Structures are given as C-alpha cells and as structure tokens.
Amino acid sequence: MKCMYCQGEMKKSTAPFSISRQGYHIHWDAIEAYVCSQCGEPYFESETVDKIQAALSALEEKSKELIKI
C-alpha cells in the first residue's frame, strides 16, 4: 500500500490519535494503524475507526451528565 500524500510505503504499526469534543480532549498513544515510512501519515482501518467512534459516542453520552454546555 502507498501513502496518498507522498507515495511512501505503508507499514503496519501504531499511531497516536487525539480529538477535542464538546469540552473535553481524548488522546490515545498507540492505536493500530498503517503508518507511512516516509512522512509518518497514519491510516486507520475502517474497523478501527468504528471502534474509535463507538468509544467517543459512549463517552459523549456519559459526559452529558458532567459537562453543561
């Protein structure tokens, strides 16, 4: 697989993932991903993206009880 930005070779590895949403910040240090060996751009597989979205949705539901926006 080639990187869509620089055409470097993609290798299975891990990459950090961060997001800020509605008053809180989430950071995971090592999510499984394909990472470009040339520019470092990560690509997450669709199954991994689904898991990230499910975790964020669950957190968002629970956060409604804590954060008043």
N, C-alpha and C. Protein backbone atom coordinates (compact mmCIF):
# COMPACT_ATOMS: atom_id res chain seq x y z
N MET A 1 0.85 -1.17 0.00
CA MET A 1 0.00 0.00 0.00
C MET A 1 0.90 1.24 0.00
N LYS A 2 0.49 2.25 -0.74
CA LYS A 2 1.25 3.50 -0.86
C LYS A 2 0.50 4.64 -0.16
N CYS A 3 1.25 5.54 0.40
CA CYS A 3 0.70 6.73 1.05
C CYS A 3 0.08 7.64 -0.02
N MET A 4 -1.12 8.14 0.24
CA MET A 4 -1.77 9.00 -0.74
C MET A 4 -1.18 10.40 -0.78
N TYR A 5 -0.37 10.77 0.23
CA TYR A 5 0.26 12.10 0.24
C TYR A 5 1.62 12.11 -0.44
N CYS A 6 2.49 11.11 -0.11
CA CYS A 6 3.86 11.17 -0.61
C CYS A 6 4.27 9.92 -1.40
N GLN A 7 3.37 8.96 -1.49
CA GLN A 7 3.62 7.70 -2.19
C GLN A 7 4.63 6.81 -1.47
N GLY A 8 4.92 7.11 -0.19
CA GLY A 8 5.80 6.26 0.61
C GLY A 8 5.14 4.92 0.92
N GLU A 9 5.90 3.99 1.41
CA GLU A 9 5.41 2.65 1.74
C GLU A 9 4.72 2.66 3.10
N MET A 10 3.52 2.07 3.18
CA MET A 10 2.76 1.99 4.42
C MET A 10 3.12 0.70 5.14
N LYS A 11 3.34 0.80 6.45
CA LYS A 11 3.68 -0.37 7.26
C LYS A 11 2.76 -0.44 8.47
N LYS A 12 2.37 -1.66 8.84
CA LYS A 12 1.50 -1.86 10.00
C LYS A 12 2.28 -1.47 11.25
N SER A 13 1.66 -0.63 12.07
CA SER A 13 2.32 -0.11 13.26
C SER A 13 1.24 0.44 14.19
N THR A 14 1.61 1.43 15.00
CA THR A 14 0.63 2.14 15.82
C THR A 14 0.86 3.64 15.65
N ALA A 15 -0.17 4.40 15.95
CA ALA A 15 -0.09 5.85 15.83
C ALA A 15 -0.93 6.48 16.93
N PRO A 16 -0.56 7.67 17.37
CA PRO A 16 -1.40 8.36 18.35
C PRO A 16 -2.66 8.90 17.68
N PHE A 17 -3.70 9.09 18.48
CA PHE A 17 -4.95 9.66 17.99
C PHE A 17 -5.47 10.62 19.05
N SER A 18 -5.75 11.84 18.66
CA SER A 18 -6.28 12.85 19.58
C SER A 18 -7.48 13.53 18.96
N ILE A 19 -8.41 13.94 19.84
CA ILE A 19 -9.58 14.66 19.38
C ILE A 19 -10.10 15.53 20.52
N SER A 20 -10.62 16.67 20.17
CA SER A 20 -11.27 17.57 21.14
C SER A 20 -12.74 17.65 20.78
N ARG A 21 -13.59 17.41 21.76
CA ARG A 21 -15.03 17.44 21.52
C ARG A 21 -15.75 18.02 22.71
N GLN A 22 -16.61 18.93 22.48
CA GLN A 22 -17.57 19.45 23.45
C GLN A 22 -17.02 19.55 24.87
N GLY A 23 -15.89 20.21 25.04
CA GLY A 23 -15.37 20.49 26.36
C GLY A 23 -14.42 19.46 26.93
N TYR A 24 -14.04 18.47 26.18
CA TYR A 24 -13.05 17.51 26.67
C TYR A 24 -12.11 17.10 25.55
N HIS A 25 -10.97 16.54 25.95
CA HIS A 25 -9.95 16.14 24.99
C HIS A 25 -9.61 14.67 25.23
N ILE A 26 -9.50 13.91 24.15
CA ILE A 26 -9.15 12.49 24.23
C ILE A 26 -7.84 12.28 23.49
N HIS A 27 -6.97 11.48 24.09
CA HIS A 27 -5.71 11.13 23.42
C HIS A 27 -5.39 9.68 23.71
N TRP A 28 -5.23 8.91 22.65
CA TRP A 28 -4.73 7.55 22.77
C TRP A 28 -3.32 7.54 22.20
N ASP A 29 -2.40 6.90 22.90
CA ASP A 29 -0.99 6.90 22.48
C ASP A 29 -0.69 5.96 21.33
N ALA A 30 -1.36 4.82 21.27
CA ALA A 30 -0.96 3.80 20.29
C ALA A 30 -2.16 3.03 19.75
N ILE A 31 -2.78 3.56 18.71
CA ILE A 31 -3.88 2.89 18.02
C ILE A 31 -3.29 2.17 16.80
N GLU A 32 -3.72 0.94 16.59
CA GLU A 32 -3.21 0.17 15.44
C GLU A 32 -3.55 0.90 14.14
N ALA A 33 -2.55 1.03 13.28
CA ALA A 33 -2.72 1.77 12.02
C ALA A 33 -1.66 1.35 11.03
N TYR A 34 -1.86 1.76 9.78
CA TYR A 34 -0.80 1.71 8.78
C TYR A 34 -0.16 3.09 8.81
N VAL A 35 1.17 3.12 8.92
CA VAL A 35 1.89 4.38 9.03
C VAL A 35 2.90 4.47 7.88
N CYS A 36 2.91 5.62 7.22
CA CYS A 36 3.84 5.84 6.10
C CYS A 36 5.27 5.88 6.63
N SER A 37 6.13 5.08 6.04
CA SER A 37 7.53 5.04 6.46
C SER A 37 8.30 6.29 6.02
N GLN A 38 7.70 7.08 5.13
CA GLN A 38 8.37 8.27 4.62
C GLN A 38 7.91 9.55 5.35
N CYS A 39 6.60 9.79 5.41
CA CYS A 39 6.11 11.04 6.01
C CYS A 39 5.43 10.85 7.36
N GLY A 40 5.14 9.61 7.75
CA GLY A 40 4.55 9.33 9.05
C GLY A 40 3.04 9.44 9.12
N GLU A 41 2.39 9.69 8.00
CA GLU A 41 0.93 9.83 7.97
C GLU A 41 0.28 8.49 8.34
N PRO A 42 -0.64 8.49 9.34
CA PRO A 42 -1.32 7.23 9.70
C PRO A 42 -2.62 7.05 8.93
N TYR A 43 -2.95 5.81 8.66
CA TYR A 43 -4.24 5.43 8.08
C TYR A 43 -4.84 4.37 8.99
N PHE A 44 -6.06 4.60 9.45
CA PHE A 44 -6.73 3.66 10.32
C PHE A 44 -7.71 2.83 9.50
N GLU A 45 -7.74 1.53 9.75
CA GLU A 45 -8.68 0.66 9.05
C GLU A 45 -10.10 0.98 9.50
N SER A 46 -11.08 0.67 8.66
CA SER A 46 -12.47 1.03 8.95
C SER A 46 -12.96 0.40 10.26
N GLU A 47 -12.54 -0.81 10.56
CA GLU A 47 -12.93 -1.47 11.82
C GLU A 47 -12.39 -0.68 13.02
N THR A 48 -11.18 -0.18 12.92
CA THR A 48 -10.59 0.62 13.98
C THR A 48 -11.33 1.94 14.13
N VAL A 49 -11.67 2.58 13.01
CA VAL A 49 -12.43 3.83 13.04
C VAL A 49 -13.79 3.61 13.70
N ASP A 50 -14.44 2.49 13.40
CA ASP A 50 -15.72 2.17 14.02
C ASP A 50 -15.58 2.05 15.54
N LYS A 51 -14.50 1.43 16.00
CA LYS A 51 -14.26 1.28 17.44
C LYS A 51 -13.99 2.63 18.10
N ILE A 52 -13.23 3.48 17.44
CA ILE A 52 -12.97 4.82 17.96
C ILE A 52 -14.28 5.59 18.06
N GLN A 53 -15.10 5.54 17.03
CA GLN A 53 -16.37 6.26 17.04
C GLN A 53 -17.31 5.73 18.13
N ALA A 54 -17.31 4.42 18.35
CA ALA A 54 -18.15 3.83 19.40
C ALA A 54 -17.68 4.30 20.78
N ALA A 55 -16.38 4.34 20.99
CA ALA A 55 -15.84 4.81 22.27
C ALA A 55 -16.18 6.27 22.49
N LEU A 56 -16.07 7.09 21.46
CA LEU A 56 -16.39 8.50 21.57
C LEU A 56 -17.88 8.72 21.83
N SER A 57 -18.72 7.94 21.19
CA SER A 57 -20.17 8.05 21.40
C SER A 57 -20.54 7.69 22.84
N ALA A 58 -19.94 6.62 23.36
CA ALA A 58 -20.21 6.21 24.73
C ALA A 58 -19.74 7.29 25.71
N LEU A 59 -18.58 7.84 25.47
CA LEU A 59 -18.05 8.89 26.33
C LEU A 59 -18.92 10.14 26.26
N GLU A 60 -19.38 10.47 25.08
CA GLU A 60 -20.23 11.64 24.91
C GLU A 60 -21.52 11.51 25.71
N GLU A 61 -22.11 10.32 25.69
CA GLU A 61 -23.34 10.09 26.44
C GLU A 61 -23.11 10.27 27.94
N LYS A 62 -22.04 9.70 28.46
CA LYS A 62 -21.74 9.81 29.88
C LYS A 62 -21.32 11.23 30.26
N SER A 63 -20.67 11.92 29.36
CA SER A 63 -20.19 13.27 29.64
C SER A 63 -21.33 14.27 29.78
N LYS A 64 -22.45 13.98 29.16
CA LYS A 64 -23.61 14.88 29.27
C LYS A 64 -24.01 15.11 30.72
N GLU A 65 -23.75 14.11 31.57
CA GLU A 65 -24.08 14.21 32.99
C GLU A 65 -23.09 15.11 33.72
N LEU A 66 -21.89 15.29 33.17
CA LEU A 66 -20.84 16.05 33.84
C LEU A 66 -20.64 17.45 33.31
N ILE A 67 -20.75 17.60 32.00
CA ILE A 67 -20.42 18.87 31.35
C ILE A 67 -21.68 19.57 30.93
N LYS A 68 -21.84 20.79 31.37
CA LYS A 68 -23.00 21.58 30.99
C LYS A 68 -22.55 22.62 29.98
N ILE A 69 -22.96 22.47 28.74
CA ILE A 69 -22.57 23.40 27.67
C ILE A 69 -23.76 24.23 27.27
